[in-house]
Amino acid sequence: MPVGRVEYLNMGPMTFTEFLDALNETRLATTIRTYAPDQAINPVVHTRLLELLKHYHFVGGMPEAVRVYAETRSLQAVSEVHTSIIQTYREDFPKYIGSRSLQRMQHVFNFAARNVGQKVKYSQYSREDASATIKTDIELLCLARVLTKVIHSHCSGLPLQADIEDKVYKLIFWMLD
């Protein structure tokens, strides 16, 4: 452990415009950065942006996956990077779960992956384990910044946080700061 002041830098997923920059599509990235809502976009440019957005949705924002795609343009190679990242997460579980069940933690991780964007219902995760146990496993994965909770809000006024329901949420695999 270093002695002295330590500064933590948190890296999140790359944005679509950063993805375009990585692909040397700087003119398209500039088009997005300078876009105004009342401005028309050339249909050819719009079609190209939609095509690249589909690729971005598959590749995602993980810098290694974007780098591999920028170098190879191979979705198969990107899939191999994704598999490697997921395997790394799984291999790290034993280091951080303490006395918790490794098998249950992996089950929660896999279930969350299959149900991204779905409302969380603890009973669907496991019928054998108490909902408090599953909730704690989810909290650990959120603290590890593997999962992020998207908490429900009625959106009836500002600030939005005034109308949130902590118990109603969905899970996604990316961090929000």
C-alpha atoms as a PDB file:
ATOM      1  CA  MET A   1       0.000   0.000   0.000  1.00  0.00           C
ATOM      2  CA  PRO A   2       1.433   3.386  -0.922  1.00  0.00           C
ATOM      3  CA  VAL A   3       2.366   5.781   1.862  1.00  0.00           C
ATOM      4  CA  GLY A   4       1.114   9.333   1.657  1.00  0.00           C
ATOM      5  CA  ARG A   5      -1.743  10.814  -0.279  1.00  0.00           C
ATOM      6  CA  VAL A   6      -3.634   8.477  -2.595  1.00  0.00           C
ATOM      7  CA  GLU A   7      -5.927   9.822  -5.276  1.00  0.00           C
ATOM      8  CA  TYR A   8      -8.555   7.490  -6.693  1.00  0.00           C
ATOM      9  CA  LEU A   9      -9.603   7.873 -10.285  1.00  0.00           C
ATOM     10  CA  ASN A  10     -12.834   6.178 -11.271  1.00  0.00           C
ATOM     11  CA  MET A  11     -13.224   5.203 -14.883  1.00  0.00           C
ATOM     12  CA  GLY A  12     -16.693   4.649 -16.223  1.00  0.00           C
ATOM     13  CA  PRO A  13     -17.855   3.305 -19.552  1.00  0.00           C
ATOM     14  CA  MET A  14     -16.955   5.258 -22.649  1.00  0.00           C
ATOM     15  CA  THR A  15     -19.712   7.402 -24.090  1.00  0.00           C
ATOM     16  CA  PHE A  16     -20.943   7.099 -27.658  1.00  0.00           C
ATOM     17  CA  THR A  17     -18.952  10.178 -28.703  1.00  0.00           C
ATOM     18  CA  GLU A  18     -15.804   8.715 -27.091  1.00  0.00           C
ATOM     19  CA  PHE A  19     -16.530   5.501 -28.989  1.00  0.00           C
ATOM     20  CA  LEU A  20     -16.693   7.514 -32.230  1.00  0.00           C
ATOM     21  CA  ASP A  21     -13.391   9.218 -31.381  1.00  0.00           C
ATOM     22  CA  ALA A  22     -11.783   5.809 -30.777  1.00  0.00           C
ATOM     23  CA  LEU A  23     -12.947   4.727 -34.242  1.00  0.00           C
ATOM     24  CA  ASN A  24     -11.462   7.913 -35.762  1.00  0.00           C
ATOM     25  CA  GLU A  25     -14.965   9.116 -36.601  1.00  0.00           C
ATOM     26  CA  THR A  26     -14.113  12.569 -35.257  1.00  0.00           C
ATOM     27  CA  ARG A  27     -16.384  14.449 -37.673  1.00  0.00           C
ATOM     28  CA  LEU A  28     -19.383  12.412 -36.508  1.00  0.00           C
ATOM     29  CA  ALA A  29     -18.401  12.948 -32.858  1.00  0.00           C
ATOM     30  CA  THR A  30     -18.144  16.694 -33.514  1.00  0.00           C
ATOM     31  CA  THR A  31     -21.572  16.618 -35.175  1.00  0.00           C
ATOM     32  CA  ILE A  32     -23.047  15.188 -31.984  1.00  0.00           C
ATOM     33  CA  ARG A  33     -21.149  17.519 -29.661  1.00  0.00           C
ATOM     34  CA  THR A  34     -22.223  20.624 -31.575  1.00  0.00           C
ATOM     35  CA  TYR A  35     -25.775  19.501 -32.328  1.00  0.00           C
ATOM     36  CA  ALA A  36     -28.623  21.846 -31.391  1.00  0.00           C
ATOM     37  CA  PRO A  37     -32.213  20.532 -31.084  1.00  0.00           C
ATOM     38  CA  ASP A  38     -33.501  22.837 -33.849  1.00  0.00           C
ATOM     39  CA  GLN A  39     -30.759  21.735 -36.245  1.00  0.00           C
ATOM     40  CA  ALA A  40     -31.408  19.270 -39.069  1.00  0.00           C
ATOM     41  CA  ILE A  41     -29.030  16.339 -39.556  1.00  0.00           C
ATOM     42  CA  ASN A  42     -28.069  15.184 -43.026  1.00  0.00           C
ATOM     43  CA  PRO A  43     -29.849  11.839 -43.686  1.00  0.00           C
ATOM     44  CA  VAL A  44     -26.567  10.185 -44.743  1.00  0.00           C
ATOM     45  CA  VAL A  45     -24.901  11.296 -41.497  1.00  0.00           C
ATOM     46  CA  HIS A  46     -27.955  10.164 -39.509  1.00  0.00           C
ATOM     47  CA  THR A  47     -27.885   6.716 -41.125  1.00  0.00           C
ATOM     48  CA  ARG A  48     -24.175   6.342 -40.389  1.00  0.00           C
ATOM     49  CA  LEU A  49     -24.679   7.418 -36.757  1.00  0.00           C
ATOM     50  CA  LEU A  50     -27.477   4.867 -36.324  1.00  0.00           C
ATOM     51  CA  GLU A  51     -25.280   2.137 -37.801  1.00  0.00           C
ATOM     52  CA  LEU A  52     -22.427   2.985 -35.428  1.00  0.00           C
ATOM     53  CA  LEU A  53     -24.853   3.253 -32.496  1.00  0.00           C
ATOM     54  CA  LYS A  54     -25.880  -0.374 -33.104  1.00  0.00           C
ATOM     55  CA  HIS A  55     -22.219  -1.376 -32.950  1.00  0.00           C
ATOM     56  CA  TYR A  56     -21.758   0.694 -29.777  1.00  0.00           C
ATOM     57  CA  HIS A  57     -24.712  -1.081 -28.159  1.00  0.00           C
ATOM     58  CA  PHE A  58     -23.016  -4.430 -28.767  1.00  0.00           C
ATOM     59  CA  VAL A  59     -19.448  -3.359 -28.025  1.00  0.00           C
ATOM     60  CA  GLY A  60     -20.439  -1.324 -24.973  1.00  0.00           C
ATOM     61  CA  GLY A  61     -18.262   1.220 -23.269  1.00  0.00           C
ATOM     62  CA  MET A  62     -15.576  -0.960 -21.716  1.00  0.00           C
ATOM     63  CA  PRO A  63     -12.322   0.639 -22.909  1.00  0.00           C
ATOM     64  CA  GLU A  64     -10.670  -2.713 -23.721  1.00  0.00           C
ATOM     65  CA  ALA A  65     -13.661  -3.833 -25.814  1.00  0.00           C
ATOM     66  CA  VAL A  66     -13.683  -0.499 -27.660  1.00  0.00           C
ATOM     67  CA  ARG A  67      -9.927  -0.730 -28.287  1.00  0.00           C
ATOM     68  CA  VAL A  68     -10.236  -4.238 -29.721  1.00  0.00           C
ATOM     69  CA  TYR A  69     -13.158  -3.205 -31.919  1.00  0.00           C
ATOM     70  CA  ALA A  70     -11.314  -0.094 -33.146  1.00  0.00           C
ATOM     71  CA  GLU A  71      -8.292  -2.217 -34.094  1.00  0.00           C
ATOM     72  CA  THR A  72     -10.069  -5.249 -35.587  1.00  0.00           C
ATOM     73  CA  ARG A  73     -13.689  -4.268 -36.364  1.00  0.00           C
ATOM     74  CA  SER A  74     -14.433  -7.824 -35.243  1.00  0.00           C
ATOM     75  CA  LEU A  75     -17.513  -8.387 -33.083  1.00  0.00           C
ATOM     76  CA  GLN A  76     -16.193 -11.901 -32.371  1.00  0.00           C
ATOM     77  CA  ALA A  77     -13.025 -10.432 -30.876  1.00  0.00           C
ATOM     78  CA  VAL A  78     -15.164  -8.049 -28.793  1.00  0.00           C
ATOM     79  CA  SER A  79     -17.227 -10.997 -27.562  1.00  0.00           C
ATOM     80  CA  GLU A  80     -14.006 -12.654 -26.383  1.00  0.00           C
ATOM     81  CA  VAL A  81     -13.098  -9.490 -24.432  1.00  0.00           C
ATOM     82  CA  HIS A  82     -16.575  -9.459 -22.851  1.00  0.00           C
ATOM     83  CA  THR A  83     -16.169 -13.104 -21.828  1.00  0.00           C
ATOM     84  CA  SER A  84     -12.775 -12.349 -20.309  1.00  0.00           C
ATOM     85  CA  ILE A  85     -14.161  -9.405 -18.298  1.00  0.00           C
ATOM     86  CA  ILE A  86     -17.047 -11.491 -16.975  1.00  0.00           C
ATOM     87  CA  GLN A  87     -14.674 -14.307 -16.044  1.00  0.00           C
ATOM     88  CA  THR A  88     -12.483 -11.812 -14.174  1.00  0.00           C
ATOM     89  CA  TYR A  89     -15.511 -10.660 -12.156  1.00  0.00           C
ATOM     90  CA  ARG A  90     -16.354 -14.265 -11.290  1.00  0.00           C
ATOM     91  CA  GLU A  91     -12.779 -15.034 -10.256  1.00  0.00           C
ATOM     92  CA  ASP A  92     -12.719 -11.973  -7.981  1.00  0.00           C
ATOM     93  CA  PHE A  93     -15.840 -12.977  -6.005  1.00  0.00           C
ATOM     94  CA  PRO A  94     -13.989 -15.256  -3.533  1.00  0.00           C
ATOM     95  CA  LYS A  95     -11.635 -12.392  -2.627  1.00  0.00           C
ATOM     96  CA  TYR A  96     -14.388 -10.062  -1.441  1.00  0.00           C
ATOM     97  CA  ILE A  97     -17.418 -12.022  -0.251  1.00  0.00           C
ATOM     98  CA  GLY A  98     -16.068 -13.023   3.152  1.00  0.00           C
ATOM     99  CA  SER A  99     -18.375 -15.582   4.752  1.00  0.00           C
ATOM    100  CA  ARG A 100     -21.091 -15.226   2.128  1.00  0.00           C
ATOM    101  CA  SER A 101     -21.964 -18.122  -0.174  1.00  0.00           C
ATOM    102  CA  LEU A 102     -19.891 -18.046  -3.351  1.00  0.00           C
ATOM    103  CA  GLN A 103     -22.435 -20.183  -5.197  1.00  0.00           C
ATOM    104  CA  ARG A 104     -25.318 -17.877  -4.231  1.00  0.00           C
ATOM    105  CA  MET A 105     -23.306 -14.755  -5.162  1.00  0.00           C
ATOM    106  CA  GLN A 106     -22.573 -16.238  -8.589  1.00  0.00           C
ATOM    107  CA  HIS A 107     -26.244 -17.150  -8.962  1.00  0.00           C
ATOM    108  CA  VAL A 108     -27.283 -13.566  -8.132  1.00  0.00           C
ATOM    109  CA  PHE A 109     -24.698 -12.230 -10.613  1.00  0.00           C
ATOM    110  CA  ASN A 110     -25.925 -14.572 -13.380  1.00  0.00           C
ATOM    111  CA  PHE A 111     -29.584 -13.859 -12.638  1.00  0.00           C
ATOM    112  CA  ALA A 112     -28.937 -10.100 -12.745  1.00  0.00           C
ATOM    113  CA  ALA A 113     -27.193 -10.523 -16.120  1.00  0.00           C
ATOM    114  CA  ARG A 114     -30.179 -12.407 -17.563  1.00  0.00           C
ATOM    115  CA  ASN A 115     -32.661  -9.866 -16.186  1.00  0.00           C
ATOM    116  CA  VAL A 116     -30.975  -6.519 -16.827  1.00  0.00           C
ATOM    117  CA  GLY A 117     -33.538  -3.738 -16.817  1.00  0.00           C
ATOM    118  CA  GLN A 118     -36.220  -5.851 -15.147  1.00  0.00           C
ATOM    119  CA  LYS A 119     -37.824  -4.883 -11.841  1.00  0.00           C
ATOM    120  CA  VAL A 120     -36.040  -6.719  -9.027  1.00  0.00           C
ATOM    121  CA  LYS A 121     -38.125  -9.275  -7.158  1.00  0.00           C
ATOM    122  CA  TYR A 122     -36.074 -11.212  -4.613  1.00  0.00           C
ATOM    123  CA  SER A 123     -38.358 -14.248  -4.841  1.00  0.00           C
ATOM    124  CA  GLN A 124     -37.329 -14.708  -8.480  1.00  0.00           C
ATOM    125  CA  TYR A 125     -33.639 -14.855  -7.522  1.00  0.00           C
ATOM    126  CA  SER A 126     -33.979 -17.734  -5.114  1.00  0.00           C
ATOM    127  CA  ARG A 127     -36.823 -19.553  -3.408  1.00  0.00           C
ATOM    128  CA  GLU A 128     -34.457 -21.115  -0.835  1.00  0.00           C
ATOM    129  CA  ASP A 129     -32.765 -17.925   0.406  1.00  0.00           C
ATOM    130  CA  ALA A 130     -34.318 -15.110   2.406  1.00  0.00           C
ATOM    131  CA  SER A 131     -34.915 -11.872   0.537  1.00  0.00           C
ATOM    132  CA  ALA A 132     -32.644 -10.045   3.026  1.00  0.00           C
ATOM    133  CA  THR A 133     -29.792 -12.387   2.024  1.00  0.00           C
ATOM    134  CA  ILE A 134     -30.332 -11.754  -1.692  1.00  0.00           C
ATOM    135  CA  LYS A 135     -30.633  -8.016  -1.010  1.00  0.00           C
ATOM    136  CA  THR A 136     -27.250  -8.077   0.784  1.00  0.00           C
ATOM    137  CA  ASP A 137     -25.654  -9.939  -2.139  1.00  0.00           C
ATOM    138  CA  ILE A 138     -27.013  -7.329  -4.550  1.00  0.00           C
ATOM    139  CA  GLU A 139     -25.731  -4.536  -2.276  1.00  0.00           C
ATOM    140  CA  LEU A 140     -22.245  -6.101  -2.281  1.00  0.00           C
ATOM    141  CA  LEU A 141     -22.244  -6.261  -6.090  1.00  0.00           C
ATOM    142  CA  CYS A 142     -23.345  -2.612  -6.176  1.00  0.00           C
ATOM    143  CA  LEU A 143     -20.593  -1.605  -3.729  1.00  0.00           C
ATOM    144  CA  ALA A 144     -18.099  -3.449  -5.939  1.00  0.00           C
ATOM    145  CA  ARG A 145     -19.440  -1.337  -8.836  1.00  0.00           C
ATOM    146  CA  VAL A 146     -20.400  -4.414 -10.806  1.00  0.00           C
ATOM    147  CA  LEU A 147     -24.105  -3.553 -10.698  1.00  0.00           C
ATOM    148  CA  THR A 148     -25.960  -0.259 -10.408  1.00  0.00           C
ATOM    149  CA  LYS A 149     -29.452   0.199  -9.046  1.00  0.00           C
ATOM    150  CA  VAL A 150     -31.844   2.311 -11.091  1.00  0.00           C
ATOM    151  CA  ILE A 151     -34.337   3.380  -8.447  1.00  0.00           C
ATOM    152  CA  HIS A 152     -37.964   4.105  -9.303  1.00  0.00           C
ATOM    153  CA  SER A 153     -39.189   7.687  -9.115  1.00  0.00           C
ATOM    154  CA  HIS A 154     -42.676   9.021  -9.707  1.00  0.00           C
ATOM    155  CA  CYS A 155     -41.099  12.021 -11.472  1.00  0.00           C
ATOM    156  CA  SER A 156     -43.910  14.302 -10.350  1.00  0.00           C
ATOM    157  CA  GLY A 157     -41.659  17.175  -9.356  1.00  0.00           C
ATOM    158  CA  LEU A 158     -38.206  18.432  -8.672  1.00  0.00           C
ATOM    159  CA  PRO A 159     -36.018  17.215  -7.173  1.00  0.00           C
ATOM    160  CA  LEU A 160     -36.645  13.754  -8.556  1.00  0.00           C
ATOM    161  CA  GLN A 161     -35.126  12.195  -5.463  1.00  0.00           C
ATOM    162  CA  ALA A 162     -38.052  13.503  -3.383  1.00  0.00           C
ATOM    163  CA  ASP A 163     -40.361  10.917  -4.976  1.00  0.00           C
ATOM    164  CA  ILE A 164     -38.110   7.837  -5.107  1.00  0.00           C
ATOM    165  CA  GLU A 165     -39.094   4.413  -3.871  1.00  0.00           C
ATOM    166  CA  ASP A 166     -35.926   2.705  -2.603  1.00  0.00           C
ATOM    167  CA  LYS A 167     -37.547  -0.723  -2.643  1.00  0.00           C
ATOM    168  CA  VAL A 168     -38.503  -0.561  -6.333  1.00  0.00           C
ATOM    169  CA  TYR A 169     -35.525  -0.726  -8.655  1.00  0.00           C
ATOM    170  CA  LYS A 170     -33.915  -2.341 -11.678  1.00  0.00           C
ATOM    171  CA  LEU A 171     -30.311  -3.440 -12.094  1.00  0.00           C
ATOM    172  CA  ILE A 172     -27.870  -2.569 -14.856  1.00  0.00           C
ATOM    173  CA  PHE A 173     -24.224  -3.493 -15.411  1.00  0.00           C
ATOM    174  CA  TRP A 174     -22.530  -0.156 -15.397  1.00  0.00           C
ATOM    175  CA  MET A 175     -21.626   2.442 -12.894  1.00  0.00           C
ATOM    176  CA  LEU A 176     -23.242   5.811 -12.476  1.00  0.00           C
ATOM    177  CA  ASP A 177     -21.590   8.657 -10.593  1.00  0.00           C
END
